Amino acid sequence: MATGYSQFEMDMERFFHNNNTLPDSIPNWLINLGINPRDTITSCRNMGSESPDNKTDILVEFANSTPLKISVKLDNADYFGNWYTHQRIEDEFAAGCLNKLFNETTNWANNWATKPQASLFVGVSVCFGKRSGETALDFDKVFSLDDIRVIVQGFDPASTKSANSLYIASRSPTTFTELFNNLKPIDDATLLEIASNFKIAMRPINPVTEGTNRGKQIYTKFVPYKKLASVTEINSLDELMKIGKFCILDIQGNDYKINHNHVIKDLLTNFNIKIPVKTK
């Protein structure tokens, strides 16, 4: 069964298949992109799920125009960039961003661990987008506003993977008028609007309640002060923080591409610390 988001994308793809000629009047910013009024739509492809690197969800190609590369977002969507890896941060952002993110995430984790609402976690993953409360870190602690463009659009504008427009609505369009009302250029005005509540979303994964998300890469890890005398199961964050703290990753050593499961295994193998995990 399709999720709400994937259904949204499929409905938008169907719209372009059913309406295969652009109208006489289109927004000027589309013309400036190189898209011509009355042009024929030759193909439309839903490519958002093909690769995590894709910012283009719907690729629309024309007979005599540059492609329209649409990033589709439900208007209640929180994330523009989900589950970033170490390699992707290195590839897409300025030198030094990865180490800054390690530092800020580690500081955040040790502070979060003191909060009464925090639950057990051994690492923190990150996403980018709308976020509020204490699990939101100010974006400019690590990145520049220009980096929002990379997260929203992609880092290679010439590639079909990088979007050149943003469609934000509660549903796919049923008419070209509705399409043009909700379709926006990825320009400074749009980015400033997005940036008003753009955050680094801290994702401390509770191993007891989460399964697949434990495979996401982390930006800080729990490190014990010493090996325990015998295997001891830790069932709460309070218990965990009495025997160690969160530390900055060493990606020149064994921490490159490390995830929550790696930390859990290491704690048991090398420190006699057993972390309970969700098994189904």
Protein backbone atom coordinates (compact mmCIF):
# COMPACT_ATOMS: atom_id res chain seq x y z
CA MET A 1 0.00 0.00 0.00
CA ALA A 2 1.35 3.43 -0.91
CA THR A 3 2.12 5.88 1.88
CA GLY A 4 0.64 9.37 1.80
CA TYR A 5 3.89 10.76 0.43
CA SER A 6 4.40 8.13 -2.28
CA GLN A 7 0.75 8.45 -3.30
CA PHE A 8 1.29 12.20 -3.60
CA GLU A 9 4.20 11.58 -5.99
CA MET A 10 2.28 8.99 -8.03
CA ASP A 11 -0.69 11.34 -8.35
CA MET A 12 1.58 14.13 -9.57
CA GLU A 13 3.21 11.83 -12.13
CA ARG A 14 -0.27 10.86 -13.33
CA PHE A 15 -1.21 14.54 -13.66
CA PHE A 16 1.57 15.14 -16.18
CA HIS A 17 0.73 11.98 -18.09
CA ASN A 18 -2.88 13.16 -18.38
CA ASN A 19 -2.00 16.77 -19.26
CA ASN A 20 0.77 16.51 -21.80
CA THR A 21 0.82 20.05 -23.21
CA LEU A 22 1.71 23.19 -21.26
CA PRO A 23 -0.82 26.05 -21.37
CA ASP A 24 -0.32 29.30 -23.27
CA SER A 25 0.53 31.17 -20.08
CA ILE A 26 3.10 29.94 -17.56
CA PRO A 27 4.96 31.79 -14.77
CA ASN A 28 7.88 33.95 -15.87
CA TRP A 29 10.29 32.12 -13.60
CA LEU A 30 9.59 28.89 -15.50
CA ILE A 31 10.32 30.70 -18.77
CA ASN A 32 13.57 31.93 -17.21
CA LEU A 33 14.47 28.31 -16.46
CA GLY A 34 14.14 27.56 -20.15
CA ILE A 35 10.63 26.09 -20.18
CA ASN A 36 8.43 27.24 -23.06
CA PRO A 37 4.65 27.82 -23.06
CA ARG A 38 2.63 25.34 -25.12
CA ASP A 39 5.51 22.86 -25.17
CA THR A 40 4.73 19.15 -25.31
CA ILE A 41 5.51 16.94 -22.32
CA THR A 42 7.39 13.95 -23.73
CA SER A 43 7.93 12.03 -20.47
CA CYS A 44 7.35 12.18 -16.75
CA ARG A 45 9.14 9.98 -14.25
CA ASN A 46 8.79 9.52 -10.50
CA MET A 47 12.45 9.24 -9.48
CA GLY A 48 12.40 10.28 -5.82
CA SER A 49 12.74 6.74 -4.48
CA GLU A 50 15.50 5.69 -6.90
CA SER A 51 18.33 7.06 -4.77
CA PRO A 52 18.72 8.85 -1.42
CA ASP A 53 20.81 11.42 -3.31
CA ASN A 54 17.85 12.50 -5.44
CA LYS A 55 16.29 15.85 -4.63
CA THR A 56 14.19 15.60 -7.80
CA ASP A 57 11.05 13.58 -7.11
CA ILE A 58 9.25 14.22 -10.41
CA LEU A 59 11.27 14.68 -13.62
CA VAL A 60 9.23 16.24 -16.44
CA GLU A 61 10.82 16.37 -19.91
CA PHE A 62 9.65 18.38 -22.90
CA ALA A 63 10.04 18.45 -26.66
CA ASN A 64 11.74 21.86 -26.75
CA SER A 65 12.45 22.94 -23.16
CA THR A 66 14.80 22.27 -20.31
CA PRO A 67 13.49 19.60 -17.89
CA LEU A 68 11.32 20.56 -14.94
CA LYS A 69 12.81 18.87 -11.88
CA ILE A 70 10.33 19.01 -9.00
CA SER A 71 11.02 18.35 -5.35
CA VAL A 72 7.67 17.36 -3.84
CA LYS A 73 6.82 18.11 -0.22
CA LEU A 74 3.62 17.60 1.68
CA ASP A 75 2.86 20.90 3.39
CA ASN A 76 3.14 19.20 6.79
CA ALA A 77 6.48 17.53 5.98
CA ASP A 78 9.19 18.10 8.58
CA TYR A 79 12.30 17.07 6.69
CA PHE A 80 14.01 18.34 3.58
CA GLY A 81 17.10 16.24 4.17
CA ASN A 82 16.69 12.89 5.90
CA TRP A 83 19.31 10.65 7.55
CA TYR A 84 22.52 12.17 6.21
CA THR A 85 25.63 9.98 6.09
CA HIS A 86 29.19 11.05 6.87
CA GLN A 87 30.17 10.64 3.21
CA ARG A 88 27.29 12.77 2.03
CA ILE A 89 28.19 15.60 4.42
CA GLU A 90 31.76 15.46 3.11
CA ASP A 91 30.65 15.40 -0.52
CA GLU A 92 28.06 18.15 -0.43
CA PHE A 93 29.24 20.71 2.12
CA ALA A 94 32.29 22.81 2.91
CA ALA A 95 35.39 21.30 4.49
CA GLY A 96 35.12 21.27 8.27
CA CYS A 97 31.33 20.89 8.42
CA LEU A 98 31.58 17.23 9.41
CA ASN A 99 33.83 17.92 12.41
CA LYS A 100 31.65 20.86 13.46
CA LEU A 101 28.64 18.57 13.33
CA PHE A 102 30.43 15.95 15.45
CA ASN A 103 31.27 18.60 18.06
CA GLU A 104 27.81 20.16 18.21
CA THR A 105 26.03 16.80 18.28
CA THR A 106 28.27 15.54 21.09
CA ASN A 107 27.62 18.67 23.17
CA TRP A 108 23.90 18.34 22.48
CA ALA A 109 23.85 14.63 23.44
CA ASN A 110 25.56 15.13 26.79
CA ASN A 111 23.14 17.95 27.59
CA TRP A 112 20.07 16.02 26.35
CA ALA A 113 21.05 13.07 28.53
CA THR A 114 20.38 15.23 31.60
CA LYS A 115 16.77 15.94 30.59
CA PRO A 116 13.99 14.01 32.36
CA GLN A 117 12.15 13.42 29.06
CA ALA A 118 15.16 11.78 27.38
CA SER A 119 15.09 7.99 26.90
CA LEU A 120 17.92 5.50 26.44
CA PHE A 121 20.21 6.12 23.45
CA VAL A 122 23.83 5.38 22.52
CA GLY A 123 24.16 7.62 19.46
CA VAL A 124 22.50 10.47 17.60
CA SER A 125 21.59 10.64 13.90
CA VAL A 126 20.67 13.87 12.12
CA CYS A 127 18.14 15.21 9.64
CA PHE A 128 17.56 18.73 8.28
CA GLY A 129 14.31 20.64 8.15
CA LYS A 130 11.52 22.09 10.26
CA ARG A 131 11.95 21.35 13.93
CA SER A 132 11.14 22.92 17.29
CA GLY A 133 11.91 22.23 20.92
CA GLU A 134 15.05 20.86 22.49
CA THR A 135 15.81 18.34 19.74
CA ALA A 136 16.36 21.21 17.27
CA LEU A 137 19.85 22.64 16.86
CA ASP A 138 20.32 26.01 15.18
CA PHE A 139 21.40 25.41 11.59
CA ASP A 140 24.01 28.19 11.61
CA LYS A 141 25.99 26.48 14.37
CA VAL A 142 27.41 24.26 11.63
CA PHE A 143 26.22 25.43 8.21
CA SER A 144 25.68 28.63 6.24
CA LEU A 145 22.38 29.73 4.77
CA ASP A 146 23.77 28.82 1.35
CA ASP A 147 23.91 25.20 2.53
CA ILE A 148 20.12 25.18 2.76
CA ARG A 149 20.13 25.45 -1.05
CA VAL A 150 22.17 22.25 -1.24
CA ILE A 151 19.78 20.42 1.10
CA VAL A 152 16.68 21.60 -0.76
CA GLN A 153 18.00 21.56 -4.32
CA GLY A 154 20.98 19.21 -4.41
CA PHE A 155 24.66 19.95 -4.91
CA ASP A 156 24.91 19.54 -8.71
CA PRO A 157 22.37 21.82 -10.45
CA ALA A 158 23.19 20.32 -13.88
CA SER A 159 22.19 16.81 -12.76
CA THR A 160 18.67 15.44 -13.03
CA LYS A 161 19.08 14.48 -9.35
CA SER A 162 19.09 18.17 -8.36
CA ALA A 163 15.73 19.92 -8.32
CA ASN A 164 14.95 23.27 -9.95
CA SER A 165 11.52 23.74 -8.39
CA LEU A 166 9.64 22.99 -5.19
CA TYR A 167 6.01 21.89 -4.93
CA ILE A 168 4.57 22.20 -1.42
CA ALA A 169 0.88 21.38 -0.91
CA SER A 170 -1.47 18.95 0.78
CA ARG A 171 -2.24 17.17 -2.49
CA SER A 172 -1.05 16.84 -6.06
CA PRO A 173 -2.49 19.30 -8.63
CA THR A 174 -5.60 18.65 -10.66
CA THR A 175 -5.12 21.64 -12.99
CA PHE A 176 -2.19 23.66 -14.30
CA THR A 177 -3.51 26.63 -12.33
CA GLU A 178 -3.22 24.64 -9.11
CA LEU A 179 0.23 23.42 -10.15
CA PHE A 180 1.51 26.94 -10.77
CA ASN A 181 -0.05 28.26 -7.56
CA ASN A 182 1.96 25.78 -5.47
CA LEU A 183 5.11 25.40 -7.57
CA LYS A 184 7.99 27.64 -6.50
CA PRO A 185 11.44 28.36 -7.87
CA ILE A 186 14.34 27.40 -5.62
CA ASP A 187 15.53 30.99 -5.38
CA ASP A 188 16.66 33.26 -2.56
CA ALA A 189 13.09 34.27 -1.63
CA THR A 190 11.95 30.64 -1.32
CA LEU A 191 15.06 29.66 0.60
CA LEU A 192 14.65 32.56 3.04
CA GLU A 193 11.07 31.45 3.66
CA ILE A 194 12.23 27.90 4.34
CA ALA A 195 15.15 29.11 6.48
CA SER A 196 12.84 30.79 8.98
CA ASN A 197 12.49 27.46 10.81
CA PHE A 198 15.28 25.36 9.33
CA LYS A 199 17.11 23.28 11.92
CA ILE A 200 19.45 20.39 12.42
CA ALA A 201 17.08 17.77 13.83
CA MET A 202 18.75 15.63 16.49
CA ARG A 203 17.58 12.00 16.32
CA PRO A 204 18.63 10.04 19.45
CA ILE A 205 17.49 6.50 18.65
CA ASN A 206 16.07 4.44 21.50
CA PRO A 207 17.31 0.87 20.79
CA VAL A 208 14.51 -0.62 22.86
CA THR A 209 11.76 0.87 20.71
CA GLU A 210 13.37 1.39 17.29
CA GLY A 211 14.62 -1.23 14.86
CA THR A 212 15.58 -0.14 11.33
CA ASN A 213 16.64 3.35 12.42
CA ARG A 214 19.46 1.79 14.44
CA GLY A 215 21.21 1.28 11.10
CA LYS A 216 21.46 5.03 10.47
CA GLN A 217 24.88 6.65 10.82
CA ILE A 218 25.56 8.62 13.98
CA TYR A 219 27.40 11.85 14.81
CA THR A 220 28.35 11.09 18.39
CA LYS A 221 28.67 7.89 20.40
CA PHE A 222 28.50 6.77 24.00
CA VAL A 223 31.92 5.77 25.41
CA PRO A 224 32.27 4.07 28.84
CA TYR A 225 34.89 5.17 31.32
CA LYS A 226 36.07 1.57 31.72
CA LYS A 227 35.15 -2.05 31.08
CA LEU A 228 32.71 -3.49 33.62
CA ALA A 229 33.75 -6.55 35.66
CA SER A 230 30.91 -8.66 34.26
CA VAL A 231 28.16 -8.39 31.67
CA THR A 232 25.61 -5.87 32.93
CA GLU A 233 22.34 -4.93 31.24
CA ILE A 234 21.61 -1.21 31.15
CA ASN A 235 17.93 -0.32 30.98
CA SER A 236 17.84 3.43 31.48
CA LEU A 237 19.68 6.54 30.41
CA ASP A 238 20.43 7.38 34.06
CA GLU A 239 22.22 4.05 34.46
CA LEU A 240 24.16 4.60 31.24
CA MET A 241 25.38 8.10 32.07
CA LYS A 242 26.84 6.91 35.39
CA ILE A 243 29.38 4.78 33.52
CA GLY A 244 30.42 7.03 30.62
CA LYS A 245 29.60 9.96 28.36
CA PHE A 246 29.07 10.88 24.72
CA CYS A 247 32.27 11.54 22.78
CA ILE A 248 33.32 12.99 19.43
CA LEU A 249 33.74 10.40 16.69
CA ASP A 250 37.15 9.49 15.28
CA ILE A 251 36.52 8.88 11.59
CA GLN A 252 40.23 8.41 10.97
CA GLY A 253 39.93 5.34 13.19
CA ASN A 254 36.97 2.98 13.44
CA ASP A 255 34.13 5.47 13.54
CA TYR A 256 33.65 6.24 9.84
CA LYS A 257 30.10 5.20 8.82
CA ILE A 258 29.41 4.01 12.39
CA ASN A 259 25.78 3.44 13.35
CA HIS A 260 23.79 2.67 16.52
CA ASN A 261 24.12 -1.09 16.08
CA HIS A 262 27.91 -0.84 15.88
CA VAL A 263 28.00 0.99 19.22
CA ILE A 264 25.68 -1.55 20.86
CA LYS A 265 27.87 -4.42 19.67
CA ASP A 266 31.07 -2.69 20.80
CA LEU A 267 29.65 -1.95 24.25
CA LEU A 268 28.89 -5.62 24.80
CA THR A 269 32.06 -7.05 23.22
CA ASN A 270 34.61 -4.66 24.70
CA PHE A 271 32.95 -3.20 27.81
CA ASN A 272 30.53 -5.89 29.15
CA ILE A 273 27.63 -3.45 28.71
CA LYS A 274 24.46 -5.01 27.33
CA ILE A 275 21.96 -2.66 25.73
CA PRO A 276 18.48 -4.19 25.19
CA VAL A 277 17.23 -3.86 21.61
CA LYS A 278 13.99 -4.21 19.72
CA THR A 279 14.06 -7.54 17.90
CA LYS A 280 10.85 -7.38 15.82
